[in-house]
C-alpha atoms as a PDB file:
ATOM      1  CA  GLU A   1      -0.037   0.089   0.093  1.00  0.00           C
ATOM      2  CA  ALA A   2       1.750   3.594  -0.833  1.00  0.00           C
ATOM      3  CA  ALA A   3       1.782   6.001   1.785  1.00  0.00           C
ATOM      4  CA  GLN A   4      -0.379   9.403   1.301  1.00  0.00           C
ATOM      5  CA  TRP A   5       1.449  11.924   2.453  1.00  0.00           C
ATOM      6  CA  SER A   6       0.665  15.887   3.236  1.00  0.00           C
ATOM      7  CA  LEU A   7       3.038  18.566   1.821  1.00  0.00           C
ATOM      8  CA  ASP A   8       1.041  20.033   4.813  1.00  0.00           C
ATOM      9  CA  GLN A   9       2.045  17.911   7.699  1.00  0.00           C
ATOM     10  CA  PRO A  10       5.768  17.234   8.646  1.00  0.00           C
ATOM     11  CA  ALA A  11       7.106  13.782   7.793  1.00  0.00           C
ATOM     12  CA  PRO A  12       5.549  10.631   9.515  1.00  0.00           C
ATOM     13  CA  GLU A  13       8.910   9.744  11.146  1.00  0.00           C
ATOM     14  CA  LEU A  14       8.902  13.648  12.415  1.00  0.00           C
ATOM     15  CA  LYS A  15       5.908  13.702  14.057  1.00  0.00           C
ATOM     16  CA  GLY A  16       6.438  15.336  17.622  1.00  0.00           C
ATOM     17  CA  ILE A  17       9.384  16.725  16.956  1.00  0.00           C
ATOM     18  CA  ASP A  18       8.705  20.421  16.314  1.00  0.00           C
ATOM     19  CA  ALA A  19       9.237  19.890  12.622  1.00  0.00           C
ATOM     20  CA  ALA A  20       8.219  21.811   9.478  1.00  0.00           C
ATOM     21  CA  PRO A  21       5.612  20.991   7.047  1.00  0.00           C
ATOM     22  CA  LEU A  22       7.192  19.225   3.908  1.00  0.00           C
ATOM     23  CA  VAL A  23       6.537  22.031   1.809  1.00  0.00           C
ATOM     24  CA  GLU A  24       8.832  24.127   3.803  1.00  0.00           C
ATOM     25  CA  VAL A  25      11.578  21.544   3.713  1.00  0.00           C
ATOM     26  CA  LEU A  26      11.694  20.092   0.424  1.00  0.00           C
ATOM     27  CA  ALA A  27      13.741  21.075  -1.894  1.00  0.00           C
ATOM     28  CA  ASP A  28      12.561  22.984  -5.161  1.00  0.00           C
ATOM     29  CA  ASP A  29      15.139  21.911  -8.472  1.00  0.00           C
ATOM     30  CA  ARG A  30      13.455  24.924 -10.151  1.00  0.00           C
ATOM     31  CA  ALA A  31      15.019  27.800  -7.493  1.00  0.00           C
ATOM     32  CA  THR A  32      17.804  29.288  -8.042  1.00  0.00           C
ATOM     33  CA  ASP A  33      20.302  30.471  -5.879  1.00  0.00           C
ATOM     34  CA  PRO A  34      20.246  34.290  -5.161  1.00  0.00           C
ATOM     35  CA  ALA A  35      24.439  34.508  -5.108  1.00  0.00           C
ATOM     36  CA  ASP A  36      24.014  32.251  -8.743  1.00  0.00           C
ATOM     37  CA  GLU A  37      21.926  34.875  -9.897  1.00  0.00           C
ATOM     38  CA  LEU A  38      23.237  38.041  -9.129  1.00  0.00           C
ATOM     39  CA  GLU A  39      26.657  36.398 -10.515  1.00  0.00           C
ATOM     40  CA  ARG A  40      24.853  35.539 -13.949  1.00  0.00           C
ATOM     41  CA  LYS A  41      23.265  38.950 -13.966  1.00  0.00           C
ATOM     42  CA  GLU A  42      26.561  40.997 -13.540  1.00  0.00           C
ATOM     43  CA  ARG A  43      28.351  39.074 -16.098  1.00  0.00           C
ATOM     44  CA  ARG A  44      25.238  39.361 -18.444  1.00  0.00           C
ATOM     45  CA  ALA A  45      26.293  43.326 -17.824  1.00  0.00           C
ATOM     46  CA  ALA A  46      29.796  43.389 -18.136  1.00  0.00           C
ATOM     47  CA  VAL A  47      29.139  41.792 -21.799  1.00  0.00           C
ATOM     48  CA  LEU A  48      26.962  44.014 -22.657  1.00  0.00           C
ATOM     49  CA  ALA A  49      28.862  46.784 -22.143  1.00  0.00           C
ATOM     50  CA  VAL A  50      31.482  46.259 -23.862  1.00  0.00           C
ATOM     51  CA  LEU A  51      29.650  45.867 -27.138  1.00  0.00           C
ATOM     52  CA  PRO A  52      28.127  48.397 -29.587  1.00  0.00           C
ATOM     53  CA  PRO A  53      24.691  49.048 -28.723  1.00  0.00           C
ATOM     54  CA  ARG A  54      23.011  47.280 -31.670  1.00  0.00           C
ATOM     55  CA  LEU A  55      25.071  43.889 -31.152  1.00  0.00           C
ATOM     56  CA  ALA A  56      23.999  44.089 -27.373  1.00  0.00           C
ATOM     57  CA  GLU A  57      21.079  44.406 -27.900  1.00  0.00           C
ATOM     58  CA  ILE A  58      20.987  41.622 -30.541  1.00  0.00           C
ATOM     59  CA  THR A  59      23.322  39.511 -27.951  1.00  0.00           C
ATOM     60  CA  ALA A  60      20.249  40.372 -25.069  1.00  0.00           C
ATOM     61  CA  LEU A  61      17.659  38.996 -27.312  1.00  0.00           C
ATOM     62  CA  TYR A  62      19.133  35.858 -28.021  1.00  0.00           C
ATOM     63  CA  MET A  63      20.090  35.639 -24.166  1.00  0.00           C
ATOM     64  CA  ASP A  64      17.292  36.306 -23.288  1.00  0.00           C
ATOM     65  CA  GLY A  65      15.570  33.192 -24.916  1.00  0.00           C
ATOM     66  CA  LEU A  66      14.643  34.523 -28.361  1.00  0.00           C
ATOM     67  CA  PRO A  67      15.352  32.226 -31.405  1.00  0.00           C
ATOM     68  CA  LYS A  68      17.905  33.584 -34.071  1.00  0.00           C
ATOM     69  CA  ALA A  69      14.922  33.139 -36.856  1.00  0.00           C
ATOM     70  CA  GLU A  70      12.862  35.903 -34.351  1.00  0.00           C
ATOM     71  CA  ILE A  71      15.461  37.850 -34.237  1.00  0.00           C
ATOM     72  CA  ALA A  72      16.329  38.307 -37.502  1.00  0.00           C
ATOM     73  CA  ARG A  73      12.622  38.614 -38.059  1.00  0.00           C
ATOM     74  CA  MET A  74      12.742  41.714 -36.171  1.00  0.00           C
ATOM     75  CA  TYR A  75      15.998  43.223 -37.825  1.00  0.00           C
ATOM     76  CA  GLY A  76      15.296  42.896 -41.254  1.00  0.00           C
ATOM     77  CA  ILE A  77      18.216  40.641 -41.643  1.00  0.00           C
ATOM     78  CA  SER A  78      18.973  36.265 -42.022  1.00  0.00           C
ATOM     79  CA  ARG A  79      19.185  34.233 -39.463  1.00  0.00           C
ATOM     80  CA  GLU A  80      22.366  33.142 -40.693  1.00  0.00           C
ATOM     81  CA  ARG A  81      23.643  36.740 -40.013  1.00  0.00           C
ATOM     82  CA  VAL A  82      22.473  36.971 -37.037  1.00  0.00           C
ATOM     83  CA  GLY A  83      24.605  33.943 -36.113  1.00  0.00           C
ATOM     84  CA  GLN A  84      27.265  35.606 -37.449  1.00  0.00           C
ATOM     85  CA  LEU A  85      26.774  38.388 -35.600  1.00  0.00           C
ATOM     86  CA  LEU A  86      26.476  36.587 -31.743  1.00  0.00           C
ATOM     87  CA  ALA A  87      29.873  34.944 -32.703  1.00  0.00           C
ATOM     88  CA  ARG A  88      31.340  38.332 -33.797  1.00  0.00           C
ATOM     89  CA  ALA A  89      29.962  39.070 -29.687  1.00  0.00           C
ATOM     90  CA  VAL A  90      31.650  36.547 -28.103  1.00  0.00           C
ATOM     91  CA  VAL A  91      34.502  37.245 -29.526  1.00  0.00           C
ATOM     92  CA  LYS A  92      34.389  40.381 -28.740  1.00  0.00           C
ATOM     93  CA  ALA A  93      33.522  40.507 -25.336  1.00  0.00           C
ATOM     94  CA  ARG A  94      35.935  37.750 -24.514  1.00  0.00           C
ATOM     95  CA  ARG A  95      38.505  40.372 -26.184  1.00  0.00           C
ATOM     96  CA  GLU A  96      37.503  42.982 -24.531  1.00  0.00           C
ATOM     97  CA  LEU A  97      36.902  41.231 -20.960  1.00  0.00           C
ATOM     98  CA  GLY A  98      40.300  39.324 -21.553  1.00  0.00           C
ATOM     99  CA  ILE A  99      38.850  35.602 -21.359  1.00  0.00           C
ATOM    100  CA  LYS A 100      40.389  33.160 -23.172  1.00  0.00           C
END
Protein backbone atom coordinates (compact mmCIF):
# COMPACT_ATOMS: atom_id res chain seq x y z
CA GLU A 1 0.00 0.00 0.00
CA ALA A 2 1.38 3.38 -1.00
CA ALA A 3 1.96 5.92 1.74
CA GLN A 4 -0.12 9.07 1.52
CA TRP A 5 1.65 12.16 2.77
CA SER A 6 0.39 15.68 2.88
CA LEU A 7 2.77 18.50 2.00
CA ASP A 8 1.10 20.50 4.77
CA GLN A 9 2.14 17.97 7.42
CA PRO A 10 5.62 17.01 8.72
CA ALA A 11 7.03 13.71 7.51
CA PRO A 12 5.57 10.85 9.59
CA GLU A 13 8.96 10.02 11.10
CA LEU A 14 9.30 13.62 12.33
CA LYS A 15 5.90 14.01 13.98
CA GLY A 16 6.15 15.31 17.52
CA ILE A 17 9.57 16.88 16.97
CA ASP A 18 8.31 20.39 16.17
CA ALA A 19 9.05 19.75 12.48
CA ALA A 20 8.11 22.09 9.63
CA PRO A 21 5.64 20.93 6.98
CA LEU A 22 7.15 19.08 4.03
CA VAL A 23 6.33 21.96 1.69
CA GLU A 24 8.81 24.13 3.63
CA VAL A 25 11.51 21.48 3.89
CA LEU A 26 11.63 19.89 0.44
CA ALA A 27 14.12 21.37 -2.01
CA ASP A 28 12.78 22.99 -5.17
CA ASP A 29 14.97 21.83 -8.06
CA ARG A 30 13.73 24.76 -10.16
CA ALA A 31 14.79 27.40 -7.64
CA THR A 32 17.99 29.30 -8.35
CA ASP A 33 20.54 30.30 -5.78
CA PRO A 34 20.33 34.10 -5.33
CA ALA A 35 24.13 34.38 -5.41
CA ASP A 36 24.27 32.48 -8.71
CA GLU A 37 21.51 34.66 -10.15
CA LEU A 38 23.34 37.84 -9.12
CA GLU A 39 26.60 36.58 -10.66
CA ARG A 40 24.77 35.72 -13.91
CA LYS A 41 23.25 39.22 -14.06
CA GLU A 42 26.63 40.85 -13.40
CA ARG A 43 28.32 38.79 -16.12
CA ARG A 44 25.54 39.58 -18.57
CA ALA A 45 25.85 43.31 -17.85
CA ALA A 46 29.64 43.16 -18.26
CA VAL A 47 29.35 41.42 -21.63
CA LEU A 48 26.67 43.76 -22.96
CA ALA A 49 28.59 46.85 -21.76
CA VAL A 50 31.59 46.14 -24.00
CA LEU A 51 29.52 45.61 -27.16
CA PRO A 52 28.34 48.27 -29.61
CA PRO A 53 24.65 49.14 -29.08
CA ARG A 54 23.13 47.13 -31.94
CA LEU A 55 25.27 44.09 -31.20
CA ALA A 56 24.41 44.38 -27.49
CA GLU A 57 20.68 44.51 -28.33
CA ILE A 58 20.87 41.41 -30.52
CA THR A 59 22.97 39.58 -27.93
CA ALA A 60 20.57 40.52 -25.12
CA LEU A 61 17.60 39.23 -27.10
CA TYR A 62 19.38 35.95 -27.72
CA MET A 63 20.38 35.69 -24.04
CA ASP A 64 16.71 36.24 -23.16
CA GLY A 65 15.82 33.13 -25.18
CA LEU A 66 14.61 34.60 -28.46
CA PRO A 67 15.42 32.28 -31.38
CA LYS A 68 17.77 33.54 -34.07
CA ALA A 69 14.94 33.43 -36.61
CA GLU A 70 12.80 35.79 -34.51
CA ILE A 71 15.71 38.19 -33.98
CA ALA A 72 16.40 38.10 -37.72
CA ARG A 73 12.78 38.99 -38.47
CA MET A 74 12.89 41.90 -36.00
CA TYR A 75 16.02 43.37 -37.61
CA GLY A 76 15.23 42.47 -41.22
CA ILE A 77 18.31 40.26 -41.61
CA SER A 78 18.85 36.54 -42.15
CA ARG A 79 19.05 33.98 -39.38
CA GLU A 80 22.57 33.20 -40.55
CA ARG A 81 23.53 36.87 -40.18
CA VAL A 82 22.25 36.83 -36.60
CA GLY A 83 24.51 33.82 -35.99
CA GLN A 84 27.47 35.70 -37.44
CA LEU A 85 26.76 38.73 -35.26
CA LEU A 86 26.47 36.56 -32.14
CA ALA A 87 29.81 34.92 -32.97
CA ARG A 88 31.32 38.40 -33.36
CA ALA A 89 29.83 39.38 -29.99
CA VAL A 90 31.51 36.40 -28.31
CA VAL A 91 34.90 37.22 -29.82
CA LYS A 92 34.65 40.92 -28.94
CA ALA A 93 33.41 40.30 -25.39
CA ARG A 94 36.17 37.77 -24.71
CA ARG A 95 38.81 40.13 -26.06
CA GLU A 96 37.49 43.17 -24.16
CA LEU A 97 37.05 41.24 -20.89
CA GLY A 98 40.35 39.36 -21.16
CA ILE A 99 38.73 35.92 -21.36
CA LYS A 100 40.58 33.25 -23.29
